[in-house]
């Protein structure tokens, strides 16, 4: 598994595929498959059998995972797609993520 530059709660834009241009917040990360689930993006129809929790059953729209290479972080300053970088904070000694577009912290 490689280190992902996207975290849960990040605002991302889809840069490839059927949902290109859509924006949303990352709600879940599936590290084993390098996939993310973005709220409101890549909705698929799922047929649900009736159960005790859902006695009606029926058809539901759920968010399907998207490969991490098909999404890009949104720069907080310019509101455009950007790449993320890591650098060490000189005061604390901890690593932080920053936008390669505007050099702002993410």
PDB file of N, CA and C in Angstrom:
ATOM      1  N   UNK A   1       0.831  -1.186   0.000  1.00  0.00           N
ATOM      2  CA  UNK A   1       0.000   0.000   0.000  1.00  0.00           C
ATOM      3  C   UNK A   1       0.876   1.249   0.000  1.00  0.00           C
ATOM      4  N   UNK A   2       0.539   2.174  -0.856  1.00  0.00           N
ATOM      5  CA  UNK A   2       1.281   3.422  -0.905  1.00  0.00           C
ATOM      6  C   UNK A   2       0.580   4.468  -0.056  1.00  0.00           C
ATOM      7  N   UNK A   3       1.298   5.521   0.285  1.00  0.00           N
ATOM      8  CA  UNK A   3       0.732   6.600   1.091  1.00  0.00           C
ATOM      9  C   UNK A   3      -0.178   7.433   0.205  1.00  0.00           C
ATOM     10  N   UNK A   4      -1.394   7.654   0.673  1.00  0.00           N
ATOM     11  CA  UNK A   4      -2.340   8.477  -0.066  1.00  0.00           C
ATOM     12  C   UNK A   4      -2.224   9.919   0.386  1.00  0.00           C
ATOM     13  N   UNK A   5      -2.368  10.840  -0.539  1.00  0.00           N
ATOM     14  CA  UNK A   5      -2.276  12.261  -0.213  1.00  0.00           C
ATOM     15  C   UNK A   5      -3.644  12.866   0.038  1.00  0.00           C
ATOM     16  N   UNK A   6      -4.679  12.030   0.054  1.00  0.00           N
ATOM     17  CA  UNK A   6      -6.044  12.491   0.297  1.00  0.00           C
ATOM     18  C   UNK A   6      -6.518  11.887   1.609  1.00  0.00           C
ATOM     19  N   UNK A   7      -7.169  12.701   2.440  1.00  0.00           N
ATOM     20  CA  UNK A   7      -7.672  12.258   3.731  1.00  0.00           C
ATOM     21  C   UNK A   7      -9.186  12.369   3.775  1.00  0.00           C
ATOM     22  N   UNK A   8      -9.774  11.708   4.761  1.00  0.00           N
ATOM     23  CA  UNK A   8     -11.207  11.820   4.998  1.00  0.00           C
ATOM     24  C   UNK A   8     -11.518  13.264   5.377  1.00  0.00           C
ATOM     25  N   UNK A   9     -12.560  13.824   4.771  1.00  0.00           N
ATOM     26  CA  UNK A   9     -12.938  15.203   5.049  1.00  0.00           C
ATOM     27  C   UNK A   9     -12.388  16.208   4.052  1.00  0.00           C
ATOM     28  N   UNK A  10     -11.489  15.789   3.163  1.00  0.00           N
ATOM     29  CA  UNK A  10     -10.951  16.691   2.143  1.00  0.00           C
ATOM     30  C   UNK A  10     -12.004  16.976   1.076  1.00  0.00           C
ATOM     31  N   UNK A  11     -11.974  18.183   0.535  1.00  0.00           N
ATOM     32  CA  UNK A  11     -12.823  18.522  -0.600  1.00  0.00           C
ATOM     33  C   UNK A  11     -12.041  18.217  -1.866  1.00  0.00           C
ATOM     34  N   UNK A  12     -12.645  17.403  -2.732  1.00  0.00           N
ATOM     35  CA  UNK A  12     -11.962  16.971  -3.950  1.00  0.00           C
ATOM     36  C   UNK A  12     -12.839  17.227  -5.162  1.00  0.00           C
ATOM     37  N   UNK A  13     -12.211  17.206  -6.335  1.00  0.00           N
ATOM     38  CA  UNK A  13     -12.915  17.305  -7.607  1.00  0.00           C
ATOM     39  C   UNK A  13     -12.534  16.073  -8.424  1.00  0.00           C
ATOM     40  N   UNK A  14     -13.524  15.522  -9.151  1.00  0.00           N
ATOM     41  CA  UNK A  14     -13.270  14.366 -10.008  1.00  0.00           C
ATOM     42  C   UNK A  14     -12.649  14.882 -11.307  1.00  0.00           C
ATOM     43  N   UNK A  15     -11.496  14.317 -11.682  1.00  0.00           N
ATOM     44  CA  UNK A  15     -10.773  14.822 -12.860  1.00  0.00           C
ATOM     45  C   UNK A  15     -10.854  13.885 -14.051  1.00  0.00           C
ATOM     46  N   UNK A  16     -11.473  12.698 -13.872  1.00  0.00           N
ATOM     47  CA  UNK A  16     -11.575  11.749 -14.985  1.00  0.00           C
ATOM     48  C   UNK A  16     -12.803  10.877 -14.782  1.00  0.00           C
ATOM     49  N   UNK A  17     -13.338  10.388 -15.881  1.00  0.00           N
ATOM     50  CA  UNK A  17     -14.463   9.462 -15.807  1.00  0.00           C
ATOM     51  C   UNK A  17     -15.794  10.134 -16.087  1.00  0.00           C
ATOM     52  N   UNK A  18     -16.877   9.384 -15.838  1.00  0.00           N
ATOM     53  CA  UNK A  18     -18.228   9.862 -16.134  1.00  0.00           C
ATOM     54  C   UNK A  18     -18.627  11.056 -15.274  1.00  0.00           C
ATOM     55  N   UNK A  19     -18.070  11.186 -14.094  1.00  0.00           N
ATOM     56  CA  UNK A  19     -18.459  12.244 -13.159  1.00  0.00           C
ATOM     57  C   UNK A  19     -17.424  13.366 -13.113  1.00  0.00           C
ATOM     58  N   UNK A  20     -16.695  13.555 -14.204  1.00  0.00           N
ATOM     59  CA  UNK A  20     -15.652  14.571 -14.280  1.00  0.00           C
ATOM     60  C   UNK A  20     -16.231  15.957 -14.010  1.00  0.00           C
ATOM     61  N   UNK A  21     -15.548  16.715 -13.141  1.00  0.00           N
ATOM     62  CA  UNK A  21     -15.989  18.066 -12.817  1.00  0.00           C
ATOM     63  C   UNK A  21     -16.814  18.162 -11.548  1.00  0.00           C
ATOM     64  N   UNK A  22     -17.329  17.037 -11.039  1.00  0.00           N
ATOM     65  CA  UNK A  22     -18.125  17.063  -9.817  1.00  0.00           C
ATOM     66  C   UNK A  22     -17.235  17.215  -8.597  1.00  0.00           C
ATOM     67  N   UNK A  23     -17.726  17.967  -7.613  1.00  0.00           N
ATOM     68  CA  UNK A  23     -16.987  18.183  -6.377  1.00  0.00           C
ATOM     69  C   UNK A  23     -17.726  17.540  -5.223  1.00  0.00           C
ATOM     70  N   UNK A  24     -16.975  17.190  -4.186  1.00  0.00           N
ATOM     71  CA  UNK A  24     -17.578  16.621  -2.990  1.00  0.00           C
ATOM     72  C   UNK A  24     -16.548  16.425  -1.907  1.00  0.00           C
ATOM     73  N   UNK A  25     -17.025  15.955  -0.755  1.00  0.00           N
ATOM     74  CA  UNK A  25     -16.170  15.723   0.397  1.00  0.00           C
ATOM     75  C   UNK A  25     -15.914  14.228   0.522  1.00  0.00           C
ATOM     76  N   UNK A  26     -14.677  13.844   0.792  1.00  0.00           N
ATOM     77  CA  UNK A  26     -14.318  12.435   0.950  1.00  0.00           C
ATOM     78  C   UNK A  26     -14.933  11.935   2.255  1.00  0.00           C
ATOM     79  N   UNK A  27     -15.777  10.894   2.153  1.00  0.00           N
ATOM     80  CA  UNK A  27     -16.428  10.358   3.350  1.00  0.00           C
ATOM     81  C   UNK A  27     -15.763   9.079   3.841  1.00  0.00           C
ATOM     82  N   UNK A  28     -15.054   8.370   2.962  1.00  0.00           N
ATOM     83  CA  UNK A  28     -14.402   7.127   3.371  1.00  0.00           C
ATOM     84  C   UNK A  28     -13.239   6.853   2.439  1.00  0.00           C
ATOM     85  N   UNK A  29     -12.196   6.225   2.987  1.00  0.00           N
ATOM     86  CA  UNK A  29     -11.033   5.837   2.196  1.00  0.00           C
ATOM     87  C   UNK A  29     -10.875   4.330   2.305  1.00  0.00           C
ATOM     88  N   UNK A  30     -10.723   3.653   1.166  1.00  0.00           N
ATOM     89  CA  UNK A  30     -10.496   2.215   1.130  1.00  0.00           C
ATOM     90  C   UNK A  30      -9.053   2.025   0.682  1.00  0.00           C
ATOM     91  N   UNK A  31      -8.152   1.906   1.653  1.00  0.00           N
ATOM     92  CA  UNK A  31      -6.717   1.892   1.371  1.00  0.00           C
ATOM     93  C   UNK A  31      -6.281   0.651   0.621  1.00  0.00           C
ATOM     94  N   UNK A  32      -6.946  -0.485   0.855  1.00  0.00           N
ATOM     95  CA  UNK A  32      -6.510  -1.731   0.216  1.00  0.00           C
ATOM     96  C   UNK A  32      -6.670  -1.683  -1.297  1.00  0.00           C
ATOM     97  N   UNK A  33      -7.645  -0.921  -1.783  1.00  0.00           N
ATOM     98  CA  UNK A  33      -7.888  -0.825  -3.225  1.00  0.00           C
ATOM     99  C   UNK A  33      -7.520   0.532  -3.806  1.00  0.00           C
ATOM    100  N   UNK A  34      -6.947   1.444  -2.974  1.00  0.00           N
ATOM    101  CA  UNK A  34      -6.636   2.812  -3.407  1.00  0.00           C
ATOM    102  C   UNK A  34      -7.868   3.512  -3.957  1.00  0.00           C
ATOM    103  N   UNK A  35      -8.972   3.424  -3.216  1.00  0.00           N
ATOM    104  CA  UNK A  35     -10.222   4.037  -3.652  1.00  0.00           C
ATOM    105  C   UNK A  35     -10.773   4.941  -2.561  1.00  0.00           C
ATOM    106  N   UNK A  36     -11.583   5.912  -2.984  1.00  0.00           N
ATOM    107  CA  UNK A  36     -12.231   6.823  -2.046  1.00  0.00           C
ATOM    108  C   UNK A  36     -13.716   6.887  -2.378  1.00  0.00           C
ATOM    109  N   UNK A  37     -14.529   7.184  -1.360  1.00  0.00           N
ATOM    110  CA  UNK A  37     -15.958   7.413  -1.560  1.00  0.00           C
ATOM    111  C   UNK A  37     -16.194   8.899  -1.330  1.00  0.00           C
ATOM    112  N   UNK A  38     -16.758   9.566  -2.339  1.00  0.00           N
ATOM    113  CA  UNK A  38     -16.997  11.006  -2.302  1.00  0.00           C
ATOM    114  C   UNK A  38     -18.504  11.226  -2.207  1.00  0.00           C
ATOM    115  N   UNK A  39     -18.924  12.083  -1.269  1.00  0.00           N
ATOM    116  CA  UNK A  39     -20.346  12.346  -1.059  1.00  0.00           C
ATOM    117  C   UNK A  39     -20.971  12.986  -2.289  1.00  0.00           C
ATOM    118  N   UNK A  40     -22.063  12.392  -2.778  1.00  0.00           N
ATOM    119  CA  UNK A  40     -22.812  12.942  -3.893  1.00  0.00           C
ATOM    120  C   UNK A  40     -22.225  12.669  -5.264  1.00  0.00           C
ATOM    121  N   UNK A  41     -21.166  11.875  -5.347  1.00  0.00           N
ATOM    122  CA  UNK A  41     -20.513  11.591  -6.623  1.00  0.00           C
ATOM    123  C   UNK A  41     -20.521  10.090  -6.866  1.00  0.00           C
ATOM    124  N   UNK A  42     -20.662   9.677  -8.121  1.00  0.00           N
ATOM    125  CA  UNK A  42     -20.651   8.277  -8.532  1.00  0.00           C
ATOM    126  C   UNK A  42     -21.773   7.493  -7.854  1.00  0.00           C
ATOM    127  N   UNK A  43     -22.998   8.027  -7.943  1.00  0.00           N
ATOM    128  CA  UNK A  43     -24.157   7.362  -7.365  1.00  0.00           C
ATOM    129  C   UNK A  43     -24.573   6.195  -8.244  1.00  0.00           C
ATOM    130  N   UNK A  44     -24.805   5.042  -7.622  1.00  0.00           N
ATOM    131  CA  UNK A  44     -25.273   3.858  -8.329  1.00  0.00           C
ATOM    132  C   UNK A  44     -26.574   3.394  -7.691  1.00  0.00           C
ATOM    133  N   UNK A  45     -27.369   2.650  -8.449  1.00  0.00           N
ATOM    134  CA  UNK A  45     -28.643   2.145  -7.970  1.00  0.00           C
ATOM    135  C   UNK A  45     -28.446   0.755  -7.396  1.00  0.00           C
ATOM    136  N   UNK A  46     -28.952   0.549  -6.185  1.00  0.00           N
ATOM    137  CA  UNK A  46     -28.837  -0.752  -5.530  1.00  0.00           C
ATOM    138  C   UNK A  46     -30.228  -1.230  -5.146  1.00  0.00           C
ATOM    139  N   UNK A  47     -30.535  -2.472  -5.507  1.00  0.00           N
ATOM    140  CA  UNK A  47     -31.818  -3.078  -5.143  1.00  0.00           C
ATOM    141  C   UNK A  47     -31.663  -3.745  -3.787  1.00  0.00           C
ATOM    142  N   UNK A  48     -32.523  -3.355  -2.833  1.00  0.00           N
ATOM    143  CA  UNK A  48     -32.400  -3.819  -1.453  1.00  0.00           C
ATOM    144  C   UNK A  48     -33.588  -4.697  -1.109  1.00  0.00           C
ATOM    145  N   UNK A  49     -33.291  -5.891  -0.579  1.00  0.00           N
ATOM    146  CA  UNK A  49     -34.356  -6.789  -0.136  1.00  0.00           C
ATOM    147  C   UNK A  49     -34.950  -6.272   1.163  1.00  0.00           C
ATOM    148  N   UNK A  50     -36.226  -6.538   1.411  1.00  0.00           N
ATOM    149  CA  UNK A  50     -36.811  -6.139   2.697  1.00  0.00           C
ATOM    150  C   UNK A  50     -36.124  -6.855   3.853  1.00  0.00           C
ATOM    151  N   UNK A  51     -35.886  -6.125   4.942  1.00  0.00           N
ATOM    152  CA  UNK A  51     -35.274  -6.708   6.127  1.00  0.00           C
ATOM    153  C   UNK A  51     -35.912  -6.055   7.353  1.00  0.00           C
ATOM    154  N   UNK A  52     -35.446  -6.438   8.536  1.00  0.00           N
ATOM    155  CA  UNK A  52     -36.023  -5.856   9.745  1.00  0.00           C
ATOM    156  C   UNK A  52     -35.678  -4.372   9.871  1.00  0.00           C
ATOM    157  N   UNK A  53     -34.495  -3.975   9.406  1.00  0.00           N
ATOM    158  CA  UNK A  53     -34.128  -2.562   9.471  1.00  0.00           C
ATOM    159  C   UNK A  53     -34.786  -1.751   8.358  1.00  0.00           C
ATOM    160  N   UNK A  54     -35.040  -2.384   7.224  1.00  0.00           N
ATOM    161  CA  UNK A  54     -35.683  -1.717   6.093  1.00  0.00           C
ATOM    162  C   UNK A  54     -36.828  -2.608   5.614  1.00  0.00           C
ATOM    163  N   UNK A  55     -38.009  -2.557   6.278  1.00  0.00           N
ATOM    164  CA  UNK A  55     -39.088  -3.488   5.924  1.00  0.00           C
ATOM    165  C   UNK A  55     -39.684  -3.263   4.541  1.00  0.00           C
ATOM    166  N   UNK A  56     -39.519  -2.046   4.002  1.00  0.00           N
ATOM    167  CA  UNK A  56     -40.082  -1.751   2.690  1.00  0.00           C
ATOM    168  C   UNK A  56     -39.222  -2.324   1.562  1.00  0.00           C
ATOM    169  N   UNK A  57     -37.890  -2.330   1.739  1.00  0.00           N
ATOM    170  CA  UNK A  57     -37.010  -2.742   0.651  1.00  0.00           C
ATOM    171  C   UNK A  57     -36.986  -1.663  -0.414  1.00  0.00           C
ATOM    172  N   UNK A  58     -36.740  -2.052  -1.661  1.00  0.00           N
ATOM    173  CA  UNK A  58     -36.823  -1.104  -2.762  1.00  0.00           C
ATOM    174  C   UNK A  58     -35.479  -0.792  -3.397  1.00  0.00           C
ATOM    175  N   UNK A  59     -35.432   0.351  -4.069  1.00  0.00           N
ATOM    176  CA  UNK A  59     -34.253   0.765  -4.814  1.00  0.00           C
ATOM    177  C   UNK A  59     -33.644   1.971  -4.102  1.00  0.00           C
ATOM    178  N   UNK A  60     -32.329   1.906  -3.853  1.00  0.00           N
ATOM    179  CA  UNK A  60     -31.623   2.995  -3.184  1.00  0.00           C
ATOM    180  C   UNK A  60     -30.472   3.484  -4.051  1.00  0.00           C
ATOM    181  N   UNK A  61     -30.149   4.753  -3.897  1.00  0.00           N
ATOM    182  CA  UNK A  61     -28.965   5.319  -4.550  1.00  0.00           C
ATOM    183  C   UNK A  61     -27.854   5.354  -3.509  1.00  0.00           C
ATOM    184  N   UNK A  62     -26.704   4.739  -3.821  1.00  0.00           N
ATOM    185  CA  UNK A  62     -25.565   4.760  -2.903  1.00  0.00           C
ATOM    186  C   UNK A  62     -24.336   5.258  -3.659  1.00  0.00           C
ATOM    187  N   UNK A  63     -23.354   5.734  -2.900  1.00  0.00           N
ATOM    188  CA  UNK A  63     -22.122   6.231  -3.510  1.00  0.00           C
ATOM    189  C   UNK A  63     -21.142   5.077  -3.684  1.00  0.00           C
ATOM    190  N   UNK A  64     -20.652   4.918  -4.894  1.00  0.00           N
ATOM    191  CA  UNK A  64     -19.683   3.862  -5.189  1.00  0.00           C
ATOM    192  C   UNK A  64     -18.273   4.446  -5.107  1.00  0.00           C
ATOM    193  N   UNK A  65     -17.277   3.599  -4.823  1.00  0.00           N
ATOM    194  CA  UNK A  65     -15.905   4.096  -4.723  1.00  0.00           C
ATOM    195  C   UNK A  65     -15.344   4.547  -6.070  1.00  0.00           C
ATOM    196  N   UNK A  66     -14.423   5.512  -6.010  1.00  0.00           N
ATOM    197  CA  UNK A  66     -13.706   6.016  -7.179  1.00  0.00           C
ATOM    198  C   UNK A  66     -12.222   5.824  -6.904  1.00  0.00           C
ATOM    199  N   UNK A  67     -11.461   5.493  -7.934  1.00  0.00           N
ATOM    200  CA  UNK A  67     -10.025   5.323  -7.739  1.00  0.00           C
ATOM    201  C   UNK A  67      -9.402   6.671  -7.380  1.00  0.00           C
ATOM    202  N   UNK A  68      -8.426   6.622  -6.496  1.00  0.00           N
ATOM    203  CA  UNK A  68      -7.815   7.850  -5.975  1.00  0.00           C
ATOM    204  C   UNK A  68      -7.110   8.651  -7.077  1.00  0.00           C
ATOM    205  N   UNK A  69      -6.707   8.007  -8.158  1.00  0.00           N
ATOM    206  CA  UNK A  69      -6.052   8.728  -9.252  1.00  0.00           C
ATOM    207  C   UNK A  69      -7.040   9.566 -10.056  1.00  0.00           C
ATOM    208  N   UNK A  70      -8.335   9.332  -9.886  1.00  0.00           N
ATOM    209  CA  UNK A  70      -9.351  10.072 -10.631  1.00  0.00           C
ATOM    210  C   UNK A  70      -9.899  11.268  -9.857  1.00  0.00           C
ATOM    211  N   UNK A  71      -9.359  11.537  -8.675  1.00  0.00           N
ATOM    212  CA  UNK A  71      -9.779  12.707  -7.917  1.00  0.00           C
ATOM    213  C   UNK A  71      -8.551  13.552  -7.596  1.00  0.00           C
ATOM    214  N   UNK A  72      -8.794  14.842  -7.410  1.00  0.00           N
ATOM    215  CA  UNK A  72      -7.711  15.774  -7.078  1.00  0.00           C
ATOM    216  C   UNK A  72      -8.194  16.716  -5.987  1.00  0.00           C
ATOM    217  N   UNK A  73      -7.296  17.085  -5.093  1.00  0.00           N
ATOM    218  CA  UNK A  73      -7.626  18.025  -4.027  1.00  0.00           C
ATOM    219  C   UNK A  73      -7.974  19.388  -4.606  1.00  0.00           C
ATOM    220  N   UNK A  74      -8.794  20.140  -3.874  1.00  0.00           N
ATOM    221  CA  UNK A  74      -9.140  21.496  -4.287  1.00  0.00           C
ATOM    222  C   UNK A  74      -8.312  22.462  -3.455  1.00  0.00           C
ATOM    223  N   UNK A  75      -7.652  23.382  -4.140  1.00  0.00           N
ATOM    224  CA  UNK A  75      -6.827  24.393  -3.480  1.00  0.00           C
ATOM    225  C   UNK A  75      -7.736  25.353  -2.706  1.00  0.00           C
ATOM    226  N   UNK A  76      -7.464  25.595  -1.412  1.00  0.00           N
ATOM    227  CA  UNK A  76      -8.344  26.466  -0.635  1.00  0.00           C
ATOM    228  C   UNK A  76      -8.332  27.923  -1.098  1.00  0.00           C
ATOM    229  N   UNK A  77      -7.261  28.342  -1.755  1.00  0.00           N
ATOM    230  CA  UNK A  77      -7.140  29.738  -2.178  1.00  0.00           C
ATOM    231  C   UNK A  77      -7.787  29.981  -3.544  1.00  0.00           C
ATOM    232  N   UNK A  78      -7.406  29.176  -4.551  1.00  0.00           N
ATOM    233  CA  UNK A  78      -7.878  29.422  -5.913  1.00  0.00           C
ATOM    234  C   UNK A  78      -9.102  28.593  -6.289  1.00  0.00           C
ATOM    235  N   UNK A  79      -9.492  27.642  -5.439  1.00  0.00           N
ATOM    236  CA  UNK A  79     -10.656  26.765  -5.675  1.00  0.00           C
ATOM    237  C   UNK A  79     -10.511  25.933  -6.951  1.00  0.00           C
ATOM    238  N   UNK A  80      -9.250  25.624  -7.337  1.00  0.00           N
ATOM    239  CA  UNK A  80      -8.972  24.782  -8.494  1.00  0.00           C
ATOM    240  C   UNK A  80      -8.330  23.480  -8.027  1.00  0.00           C
ATOM    241  N   UNK A  81      -8.233  22.512  -8.919  1.00  0.00           N
ATOM    242  CA  UNK A  81      -7.566  21.249  -8.611  1.00  0.00           C
ATOM    243  C   UNK A  81      -6.080  21.496  -8.411  1.00  0.00           C
ATOM    244  N   UNK A  82      -5.512  20.814  -7.432  1.00  0.00           N
ATOM    245  CA  UNK A  82      -4.101  20.987  -7.124  1.00  0.00           C
ATOM    246  C   UNK A  82      -3.506  19.665  -6.687  1.00  0.00           C
ATOM    247  N   UNK A  83      -2.184  19.618  -6.667  1.00  0.00           N
ATOM    248  CA  UNK A  83      -1.473  18.461  -6.126  1.00  0.00           C
ATOM    249  C   UNK A  83      -1.070  18.777  -4.696  1.00  0.00           C
ATOM    250  N   UNK A  84      -0.862  17.736  -3.909  1.00  0.00           N
ATOM    251  CA  UNK A  84      -0.463  17.922  -2.514  1.00  0.00           C
ATOM    252  C   UNK A  84       0.993  17.550  -2.354  1.00  0.00           C
ATOM    253  N   UNK A  85       1.669  18.293  -1.493  1.00  0.00           N
ATOM    254  CA  UNK A  85       3.046  17.990  -1.159  1.00  0.00           C
ATOM    255  C   UNK A  85       3.190  17.916   0.344  1.00  0.00           C
ATOM    256  N   UNK A  86       4.318  17.389   0.806  1.00  0.00           N
ATOM    257  CA  UNK A  86       4.610  17.301   2.232  1.00  0.00           C
ATOM    258  C   UNK A  86       5.877  18.087   2.516  1.00  0.00           C
ATOM    259  N   UNK A  87       5.877  18.810   3.625  1.00  0.00           N
ATOM    260  CA  UNK A  87       7.068  19.510   4.070  1.00  0.00           C
ATOM    261  C   UNK A  87       7.086  19.513   5.599  1.00  0.00           C
ATOM    262  N   UNK A  88       8.280  19.686   6.132  1.00  0.00           N
ATOM    263  CA  UNK A  88       8.438  19.666   7.582  1.00  0.00           C
ATOM    264  C   UNK A  88       8.261  21.075   8.140  1.00  0.00           C
ATOM    265  N   UNK A  89       7.452  21.193   9.183  1.00  0.00           N
ATOM    266  CA  UNK A  89       7.271  22.469   9.862  1.00  0.00           C
ATOM    267  C   UNK A  89       8.504  22.718  10.725  1.00  0.00           C
ATOM    268  N   UNK A  90       9.146  23.860  10.534  1.00  0.00           N
ATOM    269  CA  UNK A  90      10.407  24.118  11.224  1.00  0.00           C
ATOM    270  C   UNK A  90      10.237  24.291  12.730  1.00  0.00           C
ATOM    271  N   UNK A  91       9.097  24.845  13.185  1.00  0.00           N
ATOM    272  CA  UNK A  91       8.895  25.061  14.615  1.00  0.00           C
ATOM    273  C   UNK A  91       8.563  23.758  15.348  1.00  0.00           C
ATOM    274  N   UNK A  92       7.610  22.988  14.800  1.00  0.00           N
ATOM    275  CA  UNK A  92       7.150  21.787  15.502  1.00  0.00           C
ATOM    276  C   UNK A  92       7.909  20.532  15.093  1.00  0.00           C
ATOM    277  N   UNK A  93       8.489  20.520  13.907  1.00  0.00           N
ATOM    278  CA  UNK A  93       9.185  19.335  13.422  1.00  0.00           C
ATOM    279  C   UNK A  93       8.264  18.305  12.803  1.00  0.00           C
ATOM    280  N   UNK A  94       6.952  18.603  12.720  1.00  0.00           N
ATOM    281  CA  UNK A  94       5.986  17.674  12.132  1.00  0.00           C
ATOM    282  C   UNK A  94       5.814  17.966  10.649  1.00  0.00           C
ATOM    283  N   UNK A  95       5.394  16.939   9.916  1.00  0.00           N
ATOM    284  CA  UNK A  95       5.142  17.108   8.491  1.00  0.00           C
ATOM    285  C   UNK A  95       3.726  17.609   8.279  1.00  0.00           C
ATOM    286  N   UNK A  96       3.552  18.468   7.264  1.00  0.00           N
ATOM    287  CA  UNK A  96       2.249  19.028   6.951  1.00  0.00           C
ATOM    288  C   UNK A  96       2.028  18.977   5.447  1.00  0.00           C
ATOM    289  N   UNK A  97       0.751  18.907   5.068  1.00  0.00           N
ATOM    290  CA  UNK A  97       0.417  18.901   3.645  1.00  0.00           C
ATOM    291  C   UNK A  97       0.233  20.329   3.165  1.00  0.00           C
ATOM    292  N   UNK A  98       0.687  20.587   1.931  1.00  0.00           N
ATOM    293  CA  UNK A  98       0.497  21.924   1.357  1.00  0.00           C
ATOM    294  C   UNK A  98       0.112  21.790  -0.108  1.00  0.00           C
ATOM    295  N   UNK A  99      -0.523  22.824  -0.619  1.00  0.00           N
ATOM    296  CA  UNK A  99      -0.948  22.883  -2.016  1.00  0.00           C
ATOM    297  C   UNK A  99       0.226  23.294  -2.875  1.00  0.00           C
ATOM    298  N   UNK A 100       0.496  22.541  -3.935  1.00  0.00           N
ATOM    299  CA  UNK A 100       1.592  22.889  -4.844  1.00  0.00           C
ATOM    300  C   UNK A 100       1.237  24.099  -5.709  1.00  0.00           C
ATOM    301  N   UNK A 101      -0.068  24.388  -5.822  1.00  0.00           N
ATOM    302  CA  UNK A 101      -0.509  25.523  -6.643  1.00  0.00           C
ATOM    303  C   UNK A 101      -0.239  26.855  -5.938  1.00  0.00           C
ATOM    304  N   UNK A 102      -0.668  26.972  -4.683  1.00  0.00           N
ATOM    305  CA  UNK A 102      -0.578  28.257  -3.994  1.00  0.00           C
ATOM    306  C   UNK A 102       0.332  28.244  -2.770  1.00  0.00           C
ATOM    307  N   UNK A 103       0.905  27.094  -2.452  1.00  0.00           N
ATOM    308  CA  UNK A 103       1.797  26.948  -1.304  1.00  0.00           C
ATOM    309  C   UNK A 103       1.068  27.131   0.032  1.00  0.00           C
ATOM    310  N   UNK A 104      -0.273  27.019   0.035  1.00  0.00           N
ATOM    311  CA  UNK A 104      -1.087  27.131   1.247  1.00  0.00           C
ATOM    312  C   UNK A 104      -1.198  25.771   1.917  1.00  0.00           C
ATOM    313  N   UNK A 105      -1.381  25.763   3.231  1.00  0.00           N
ATOM    314  CA  UNK A 105      -1.592  24.509   3.964  1.00  0.00           C
ATOM    315  C   UNK A 105      -2.953  23.938   3.630  1.00  0.00           C
ATOM    316  N   UNK A 106      -3.025  22.615   3.583  1.00  0.00           N
ATOM    317  CA  UNK A 106      -4.292  21.922   3.325  1.00  0.00           C
ATOM    318  C   UNK A 106      -4.889  21.426   4.616  1.00  0.00           C
TER     319      UNK A 106
END
